[in-house]
């Protein structure tokens, strides 16, 4: 899709980028946020160094001169604590996260925000996540999986059944966190738990299938195995926690 979208209003959006040892990827992530087709004074960008032990903090200093970027440094506490720091300092009516290994398409945010404009009952909108520059056979296999997930998640949205609001640029009304509380550790899958929490309280989650965010995926079997064990562990335990739903 190449057509441009215009909104009747451009609400302020806070986007928090939690970083832990992301020196090789964070610069491209931030540059993609600066290139968003959205009024610059309406995008508040928080870069949160969650106790990195590499040169992430030094890379973040490149962006301190931008008026819409704030840089924070804290002791390592996990991704949910970095996101909650962003929530505590945000001034936007809407709040989003962008993982530090992901790149947002320039049209992604405005397309996501158009869903909120179309339906005032929408409380969160997730994008379509695409594998960025797959090279190994493992990454190419994941690309096929992610591409199919774009269709599946749209079907789940039609059914009101989205169970994960993923880290790459899902946007929420801040009212969600005022009503339901902040992010939780949630077995290291906070993006799944907040979606379950929203669903149990009847908060509508949408899927914007033409808002693209490109993410780096594990290049080897060992790294993929480690990622999927975390995902499966989080899925099982969050599902047990919300078994009544």
C-alpha atoms as a PDB file:
ATOM      1  CA  UNK A   1       0.000   0.000   0.000  1.00  0.00           C
ATOM      2  CA  UNK A   2       1.423   3.399  -1.002  1.00  0.00           C
ATOM      3  CA  UNK A   3      -1.429   5.873  -0.444  1.00  0.00           C
ATOM      4  CA  UNK A   4      -0.954   8.563   2.192  1.00  0.00           C
ATOM      5  CA  UNK A   5      -3.295   8.993   5.148  1.00  0.00           C
ATOM      6  CA  UNK A   6      -4.348  12.289   6.677  1.00  0.00           C
ATOM      7  CA  UNK A   7      -5.947  12.522  10.102  1.00  0.00           C
ATOM      8  CA  UNK A   8      -8.530  15.044  11.244  1.00  0.00           C
ATOM      9  CA  UNK A   9      -6.478  15.435  14.436  1.00  0.00           C
ATOM     10  CA  UNK A  10      -2.955  14.405  15.395  1.00  0.00           C
ATOM     11  CA  UNK A  11      -2.934  13.369  19.073  1.00  0.00           C
ATOM     12  CA  UNK A  12       0.348  13.356  20.960  1.00  0.00           C
ATOM     13  CA  UNK A  13       2.009   9.938  21.138  1.00  0.00           C
ATOM     14  CA  UNK A  14       4.764   8.891  23.540  1.00  0.00           C
ATOM     15  CA  UNK A  15       6.992   6.114  22.210  1.00  0.00           C
ATOM     16  CA  UNK A  16       9.373   4.413  24.650  1.00  0.00           C
ATOM     17  CA  UNK A  17      12.356   2.411  23.414  1.00  0.00           C
ATOM     18  CA  UNK A  18      13.689   0.102  26.163  1.00  0.00           C
ATOM     19  CA  UNK A  19      17.346  -0.757  25.568  1.00  0.00           C
ATOM     20  CA  UNK A  20      19.575  -3.409  27.059  1.00  0.00           C
ATOM     21  CA  UNK A  21      22.880  -3.976  25.243  1.00  0.00           C
ATOM     22  CA  UNK A  22      21.548  -2.731  21.896  1.00  0.00           C
ATOM     23  CA  UNK A  23      24.593  -0.781  20.673  1.00  0.00           C
ATOM     24  CA  UNK A  24      24.463  -2.372  17.201  1.00  0.00           C
ATOM     25  CA  UNK A  25      20.762  -1.784  16.473  1.00  0.00           C
ATOM     26  CA  UNK A  26      19.490   1.182  18.492  1.00  0.00           C
ATOM     27  CA  UNK A  27      20.655   3.911  16.098  1.00  0.00           C
ATOM     28  CA  UNK A  28      18.598   2.585  13.182  1.00  0.00           C
ATOM     29  CA  UNK A  29      15.605   2.170  15.499  1.00  0.00           C
ATOM     30  CA  UNK A  30      15.722   5.800  16.636  1.00  0.00           C
ATOM     31  CA  UNK A  31      16.316   7.115  13.105  1.00  0.00           C
ATOM     32  CA  UNK A  32      13.179   5.281  11.960  1.00  0.00           C
ATOM     33  CA  UNK A  33      11.185   7.073  14.675  1.00  0.00           C
ATOM     34  CA  UNK A  34      12.581  10.435  13.620  1.00  0.00           C
ATOM     35  CA  UNK A  35      11.501   9.665  10.039  1.00  0.00           C
ATOM     36  CA  UNK A  36       7.859   8.930  10.924  1.00  0.00           C
ATOM     37  CA  UNK A  37       5.269  10.744   8.821  1.00  0.00           C
ATOM     38  CA  UNK A  38       3.708  12.404  11.861  1.00  0.00           C
ATOM     39  CA  UNK A  39       4.085  15.936  13.262  1.00  0.00           C
ATOM     40  CA  UNK A  40       7.390  16.050  15.154  1.00  0.00           C
ATOM     41  CA  UNK A  41       5.903  18.041  18.032  1.00  0.00           C
ATOM     42  CA  UNK A  42       3.308  15.295  18.472  1.00  0.00           C
ATOM     43  CA  UNK A  43       5.810  12.435  18.888  1.00  0.00           C
ATOM     44  CA  UNK A  44       7.565  12.215  22.245  1.00  0.00           C
ATOM     45  CA  UNK A  45      10.425   9.695  22.140  1.00  0.00           C
ATOM     46  CA  UNK A  46      11.926   8.188  25.315  1.00  0.00           C
ATOM     47  CA  UNK A  47      15.124   6.153  25.073  1.00  0.00           C
ATOM     48  CA  UNK A  48      15.594   4.113  28.245  1.00  0.00           C
ATOM     49  CA  UNK A  49      18.943   2.415  28.901  1.00  0.00           C
ATOM     50  CA  UNK A  50      18.048  -0.422  31.260  1.00  0.00           C
ATOM     51  CA  UNK A  51      21.498  -0.941  32.759  1.00  0.00           C
ATOM     52  CA  UNK A  52      23.369  -1.842  29.564  1.00  0.00           C
ATOM     53  CA  UNK A  53      26.934  -3.128  29.917  1.00  0.00           C
ATOM     54  CA  UNK A  54      28.002  -2.284  26.342  1.00  0.00           C
ATOM     55  CA  UNK A  55      28.143   1.093  24.547  1.00  0.00           C
ATOM     56  CA  UNK A  56      24.367   1.595  24.269  1.00  0.00           C
ATOM     57  CA  UNK A  57      24.479   4.681  26.505  1.00  0.00           C
ATOM     58  CA  UNK A  58      27.183   6.291  24.347  1.00  0.00           C
ATOM     59  CA  UNK A  59      25.144   5.665  21.182  1.00  0.00           C
ATOM     60  CA  UNK A  60      22.071   7.252  22.781  1.00  0.00           C
ATOM     61  CA  UNK A  61      24.015  10.470  23.391  1.00  0.00           C
ATOM     62  CA  UNK A  62      23.885  11.136  19.633  1.00  0.00           C
ATOM     63  CA  UNK A  63      20.186  11.957  19.988  1.00  0.00           C
ATOM     64  CA  UNK A  64      20.152  14.214  23.056  1.00  0.00           C
ATOM     65  CA  UNK A  65      20.038  17.353  20.899  1.00  0.00           C
ATOM     66  CA  UNK A  66      16.632  16.459  19.430  1.00  0.00           C
ATOM     67  CA  UNK A  67      13.868  18.441  21.113  1.00  0.00           C
ATOM     68  CA  UNK A  68      11.389  15.548  21.084  1.00  0.00           C
ATOM     69  CA  UNK A  69      13.811  12.944  22.489  1.00  0.00           C
ATOM     70  CA  UNK A  70      14.569  12.306  26.154  1.00  0.00           C
ATOM     71  CA  UNK A  71      17.232   9.845  27.270  1.00  0.00           C
ATOM     72  CA  UNK A  72      17.016   7.960  30.575  1.00  0.00           C
ATOM     73  CA  UNK A  73      19.459   5.637  32.335  1.00  0.00           C
ATOM     74  CA  UNK A  74      18.494   3.221  35.095  1.00  0.00           C
ATOM     75  CA  UNK A  75      19.675   0.098  36.837  1.00  0.00           C
ATOM     76  CA  UNK A  76      18.723  -3.112  35.085  1.00  0.00           C
ATOM     77  CA  UNK A  77      15.245  -4.140  36.123  1.00  0.00           C
ATOM     78  CA  UNK A  78      13.775  -5.749  33.035  1.00  0.00           C
ATOM     79  CA  UNK A  79      11.799  -4.459  30.080  1.00  0.00           C
ATOM     80  CA  UNK A  80       8.598  -3.857  32.041  1.00  0.00           C
ATOM     81  CA  UNK A  81      10.406  -1.443  34.390  1.00  0.00           C
ATOM     82  CA  UNK A  82      11.815   0.526  31.441  1.00  0.00           C
ATOM     83  CA  UNK A  83       8.341   0.803  29.931  1.00  0.00           C
ATOM     84  CA  UNK A  84       6.860   1.905  33.236  1.00  0.00           C
ATOM     85  CA  UNK A  85       9.511   4.619  33.536  1.00  0.00           C
ATOM     86  CA  UNK A  86       8.318   5.836  30.138  1.00  0.00           C
ATOM     87  CA  UNK A  87       4.705   5.710  31.286  1.00  0.00           C
ATOM     88  CA  UNK A  88       5.503   7.717  34.416  1.00  0.00           C
ATOM     89  CA  UNK A  89       7.128  10.501  32.376  1.00  0.00           C
ATOM     90  CA  UNK A  90       4.869  10.490  29.315  1.00  0.00           C
ATOM     91  CA  UNK A  91       2.699  13.456  28.391  1.00  0.00           C
ATOM     92  CA  UNK A  92       0.983  11.925  25.364  1.00  0.00           C
ATOM     93  CA  UNK A  93      -2.618  10.792  25.230  1.00  0.00           C
ATOM     94  CA  UNK A  94      -1.314   7.641  23.530  1.00  0.00           C
ATOM     95  CA  UNK A  95       1.590   5.392  24.544  1.00  0.00           C
ATOM     96  CA  UNK A  96       3.623   2.979  22.453  1.00  0.00           C
ATOM     97  CA  UNK A  97       6.747   0.854  22.689  1.00  0.00           C
ATOM     98  CA  UNK A  98       9.296   0.128  19.991  1.00  0.00           C
ATOM     99  CA  UNK A  99      11.777  -2.654  20.638  1.00  0.00           C
ATOM    100  CA  UNK A 100      15.389  -1.594  20.114  1.00  0.00           C
ATOM    101  CA  UNK A 101      15.930  -4.259  17.435  1.00  0.00           C
ATOM    102  CA  UNK A 102      13.050  -3.025  15.248  1.00  0.00           C
ATOM    103  CA  UNK A 103      12.578  -0.384  12.544  1.00  0.00           C
ATOM    104  CA  UNK A 104       9.274   1.402  12.017  1.00  0.00           C
ATOM    105  CA  UNK A 105       8.056   2.147   8.502  1.00  0.00           C
ATOM    106  CA  UNK A 106       7.588   5.890   8.017  1.00  0.00           C
ATOM    107  CA  UNK A 107       3.809   5.459   7.479  1.00  0.00           C
ATOM    108  CA  UNK A 108       3.262   3.004  10.328  1.00  0.00           C
ATOM    109  CA  UNK A 109       2.280   5.384  13.132  1.00  0.00           C
ATOM    110  CA  UNK A 110      -0.208   7.455  11.135  1.00  0.00           C
ATOM    111  CA  UNK A 111      -1.910   4.282   9.900  1.00  0.00           C
ATOM    112  CA  UNK A 112      -2.128   2.956  13.452  1.00  0.00           C
ATOM    113  CA  UNK A 113      -3.576   6.249  14.686  1.00  0.00           C
ATOM    114  CA  UNK A 114      -6.213   6.200  11.939  1.00  0.00           C
ATOM    115  CA  UNK A 115      -7.781   3.181  13.681  1.00  0.00           C
ATOM    116  CA  UNK A 116      -8.266   5.192  16.864  1.00  0.00           C
ATOM    117  CA  UNK A 117      -9.840   7.977  14.809  1.00  0.00           C
ATOM    118  CA  UNK A 118     -12.250   5.579  13.091  1.00  0.00           C
ATOM    119  CA  UNK A 119     -13.457   3.915  16.293  1.00  0.00           C
ATOM    120  CA  UNK A 120     -13.374   5.682  19.663  1.00  0.00           C
ATOM    121  CA  UNK A 121     -13.831   2.322  21.420  1.00  0.00           C
ATOM    122  CA  UNK A 122     -10.457   1.062  20.185  1.00  0.00           C
ATOM    123  CA  UNK A 123      -7.999   1.007  23.087  1.00  0.00           C
ATOM    124  CA  UNK A 124      -4.893  -0.513  21.442  1.00  0.00           C
ATOM    125  CA  UNK A 125      -3.672  -1.098  17.888  1.00  0.00           C
ATOM    126  CA  UNK A 126      -0.951  -3.560  16.891  1.00  0.00           C
ATOM    127  CA  UNK A 127       1.055  -3.347  13.637  1.00  0.00           C
ATOM    128  CA  UNK A 128       2.174  -6.018  11.186  1.00  0.00           C
ATOM    129  CA  UNK A 129       5.643  -7.289  12.050  1.00  0.00           C
ATOM    130  CA  UNK A 130       7.908  -8.193   9.128  1.00  0.00           C
ATOM    131  CA  UNK A 131      11.283  -9.954   9.322  1.00  0.00           C
ATOM    132  CA  UNK A 132      14.028  -7.463   8.493  1.00  0.00           C
ATOM    133  CA  UNK A 133      16.579  -8.536   5.873  1.00  0.00           C
ATOM    134  CA  UNK A 134      16.537 -12.323   6.418  1.00  0.00           C
ATOM    135  CA  UNK A 135      19.851 -13.945   5.517  1.00  0.00           C
ATOM    136  CA  UNK A 136      20.118 -17.402   7.082  1.00  0.00           C
ATOM    137  CA  UNK A 137      17.736 -20.254   6.338  1.00  0.00           C
ATOM    138  CA  UNK A 138      16.465 -19.953   9.924  1.00  0.00           C
ATOM    139  CA  UNK A 139      15.557 -16.301   9.353  1.00  0.00           C
ATOM    140  CA  UNK A 140      13.925 -17.076   6.002  1.00  0.00           C
ATOM    141  CA  UNK A 141      11.762 -19.719   7.679  1.00  0.00           C
ATOM    142  CA  UNK A 142      10.758 -17.139  10.291  1.00  0.00           C
ATOM    143  CA  UNK A 143       9.875 -14.699   7.485  1.00  0.00           C
ATOM    144  CA  UNK A 144       7.306 -17.172   6.142  1.00  0.00           C
ATOM    145  CA  UNK A 145       5.927 -17.590   9.665  1.00  0.00           C
ATOM    146  CA  UNK A 146       5.713 -13.826  10.306  1.00  0.00           C
ATOM    147  CA  UNK A 147       4.107 -13.160   6.912  1.00  0.00           C
ATOM    148  CA  UNK A 148       1.392 -15.718   7.648  1.00  0.00           C
ATOM    149  CA  UNK A 149       0.906 -14.163  11.102  1.00  0.00           C
ATOM    150  CA  UNK A 150      -0.093 -10.850   9.450  1.00  0.00           C
ATOM    151  CA  UNK A 151      -3.166 -12.601   8.047  1.00  0.00           C
ATOM    152  CA  UNK A 152      -3.865 -14.662  11.179  1.00  0.00           C
ATOM    153  CA  UNK A 153      -3.718 -11.658  13.519  1.00  0.00           C
ATOM    154  CA  UNK A 154      -6.115  -9.700  11.326  1.00  0.00           C
ATOM    155  CA  UNK A 155      -8.572 -12.600  11.527  1.00  0.00           C
ATOM    156  CA  UNK A 156      -8.128 -12.675  15.321  1.00  0.00           C
ATOM    157  CA  UNK A 157      -8.877  -8.932  15.410  1.00  0.00           C
ATOM    158  CA  UNK A 158     -12.175  -9.504  13.594  1.00  0.00           C
ATOM    159  CA  UNK A 159     -13.038 -12.025  16.326  1.00  0.00           C
ATOM    160  CA  UNK A 160     -11.907  -9.763  19.183  1.00  0.00           C
ATOM    161  CA  UNK A 161      -9.319 -12.408  20.049  1.00  0.00           C
ATOM    162  CA  UNK A 162      -5.888 -10.753  19.906  1.00  0.00           C
ATOM    163  CA  UNK A 163      -3.870 -12.130  22.846  1.00  0.00           C
ATOM    164  CA  UNK A 164      -0.517 -10.377  22.305  1.00  0.00           C
ATOM    165  CA  UNK A 165       0.182  -6.660  21.838  1.00  0.00           C
ATOM    166  CA  UNK A 166       3.773  -6.996  20.585  1.00  0.00           C
ATOM    167  CA  UNK A 167       6.695  -4.760  21.508  1.00  0.00           C
ATOM    168  CA  UNK A 168       7.328  -3.447  17.995  1.00  0.00           C
ATOM    169  CA  UNK A 169       5.069  -0.359  17.995  1.00  0.00           C
ATOM    170  CA  UNK A 170       1.777  -1.440  19.483  1.00  0.00           C
ATOM    171  CA  UNK A 171       0.070   1.823  20.527  1.00  0.00           C
ATOM    172  CA  UNK A 172      -2.316   2.125  23.486  1.00  0.00           C
ATOM    173  CA  UNK A 173      -4.580   4.811  24.794  1.00  0.00           C
ATOM    174  CA  UNK A 174      -2.886   5.855  28.023  1.00  0.00           C
ATOM    175  CA  UNK A 175      -6.266   5.415  29.661  1.00  0.00           C
ATOM    176  CA  UNK A 176      -5.611   1.657  29.534  1.00  0.00           C
ATOM    177  CA  UNK A 177      -2.781   1.956  32.054  1.00  0.00           C
ATOM    178  CA  UNK A 178      -4.641   4.500  34.193  1.00  0.00           C
ATOM    179  CA  UNK A 179      -7.549   2.054  34.454  1.00  0.00           C
ATOM    180  CA  UNK A 180      -5.747  -1.283  34.624  1.00  0.00           C
ATOM    181  CA  UNK A 181      -2.335  -0.411  36.075  1.00  0.00           C
ATOM    182  CA  UNK A 182       1.210  -0.456  34.622  1.00  0.00           C
ATOM    183  CA  UNK A 183       3.158  -3.205  32.890  1.00  0.00           C
ATOM    184  CA  UNK A 184       4.005  -6.324  34.902  1.00  0.00           C
ATOM    185  CA  UNK A 185       6.966  -8.676  34.631  1.00  0.00           C
ATOM    186  CA  UNK A 186       4.497 -11.354  33.535  1.00  0.00           C
ATOM    187  CA  UNK A 187       6.983 -14.209  33.101  1.00  0.00           C
ATOM    188  CA  UNK A 188       9.092 -11.971  30.811  1.00  0.00           C
ATOM    189  CA  UNK A 189       6.227 -11.659  28.327  1.00  0.00           C
ATOM    190  CA  UNK A 190       4.656  -8.360  29.387  1.00  0.00           C
ATOM    191  CA  UNK A 191       3.230  -7.813  25.890  1.00  0.00           C
ATOM    192  CA  UNK A 192       1.052 -10.909  26.256  1.00  0.00           C
ATOM    193  CA  UNK A 193      -0.087 -10.191  29.825  1.00  0.00           C
ATOM    194  CA  UNK A 194      -1.293  -6.657  29.089  1.00  0.00           C
ATOM    195  CA  UNK A 195      -3.331  -8.018  26.148  1.00  0.00           C
ATOM    196  CA  UNK A 196      -4.911 -10.681  28.389  1.00  0.00           C
ATOM    197  CA  UNK A 197      -5.613  -8.004  31.012  1.00  0.00           C
ATOM    198  CA  UNK A 198      -7.298  -5.812  28.404  1.00  0.00           C
ATOM    199  CA  UNK A 199      -9.358  -8.692  27.048  1.00  0.00           C
ATOM    200  CA  UNK A 200     -10.614  -9.691  30.501  1.00  0.00           C
ATOM    201  CA  UNK A 201     -11.786  -6.103  31.009  1.00  0.00           C
ATOM    202  CA  UNK A 202     -13.460  -5.804  27.598  1.00  0.00           C
ATOM    203  CA  UNK A 203     -10.962  -3.339  26.054  1.00  0.00           C
ATOM    204  CA  UNK A 204     -10.907  -3.490  22.262  1.00  0.00           C
ATOM    205  CA  UNK A 205      -7.606  -4.370  20.528  1.00  0.00           C
ATOM    206  CA  UNK A 206      -7.240  -3.865  16.769  1.00  0.00           C
ATOM    207  CA  UNK A 207      -4.715  -5.039  14.185  1.00  0.00           C
ATOM    208  CA  UNK A 208      -3.483  -2.569  11.549  1.00  0.00           C
ATOM    209  CA  UNK A 209      -2.368  -4.917   8.802  1.00  0.00           C
ATOM    210  CA  UNK A 210      -0.725  -2.220   6.626  1.00  0.00           C
ATOM    211  CA  UNK A 211       1.367  -0.606   9.386  1.00  0.00           C
ATOM    212  CA  UNK A 212       4.738  -2.299   8.966  1.00  0.00           C
ATOM    213  CA  UNK A 213       7.490  -2.691  11.532  1.00  0.00           C
ATOM    214  CA  UNK A 214      10.643  -4.559  10.543  1.00  0.00           C
ATOM    215  CA  UNK A 215      12.303  -6.648  13.239  1.00  0.00           C
ATOM    216  CA  UNK A 216      15.564  -8.543  13.506  1.00  0.00           C
ATOM    217  CA  UNK A 217      15.088 -12.246  14.201  1.00  0.00           C
ATOM    218  CA  UNK A 218      17.431 -14.905  15.648  1.00  0.00           C
ATOM    219  CA  UNK A 219      19.893 -16.067  12.958  1.00  0.00           C
ATOM    220  CA  UNK A 220      20.731 -19.477  14.456  1.00  0.00           C
ATOM    221  CA  UNK A 221      18.844 -22.491  15.812  1.00  0.00           C
ATOM    222  CA  UNK A 222      20.345 -21.946  19.285  1.00  0.00           C
ATOM    223  CA  UNK A 223      19.190 -18.313  19.512  1.00  0.00           C
ATOM    224  CA  UNK A 224      15.772 -19.146  18.046  1.00  0.00           C
ATOM    225  CA  UNK A 225      15.357 -21.965  20.573  1.00  0.00           C
ATOM    226  CA  UNK A 226      16.167 -19.596  23.447  1.00  0.00           C
ATOM    227  CA  UNK A 227      13.634 -17.023  22.173  1.00  0.00           C
ATOM    228  CA  UNK A 228      10.846 -19.554  21.659  1.00  0.00           C
ATOM    229  CA  UNK A 229      11.379 -21.184  25.059  1.00  0.00           C
ATOM    230  CA  UNK A 230      10.791 -17.744  26.618  1.00  0.00           C
ATOM    231  CA  UNK A 231       7.694 -17.175  24.479  1.00  0.00           C
ATOM    232  CA  UNK A 232       6.222 -20.625  25.229  1.00  0.00           C
ATOM    233  CA  UNK A 233       7.016 -20.329  28.953  1.00  0.00           C
ATOM    234  CA  UNK A 234       5.309 -16.921  29.025  1.00  0.00           C
ATOM    235  CA  UNK A 235       2.308 -18.163  27.032  1.00  0.00           C
ATOM    236  CA  UNK A 236       1.728 -21.159  29.300  1.00  0.00           C
ATOM    237  CA  UNK A 237       2.122 -19.218  32.542  1.00  0.00           C
ATOM    238  CA  UNK A 238       0.079 -16.190  31.476  1.00  0.00           C
ATOM    239  CA  UNK A 239      -2.656 -18.509  30.239  1.00  0.00           C
ATOM    240  CA  UNK A 240      -2.644 -20.266  33.609  1.00  0.00           C
ATOM    241  CA  UNK A 241      -2.798 -16.882  35.360  1.00  0.00           C
ATOM    242  CA  UNK A 242      -5.842 -15.941  33.241  1.00  0.00           C
ATOM    243  CA  UNK A 243      -7.367 -19.426  33.085  1.00  0.00           C
ATOM    244  CA  UNK A 244     -10.751 -18.173  34.305  1.00  0.00           C
ATOM    245  CA  UNK A 245     -10.974 -16.003  31.169  1.00  0.00           C
END
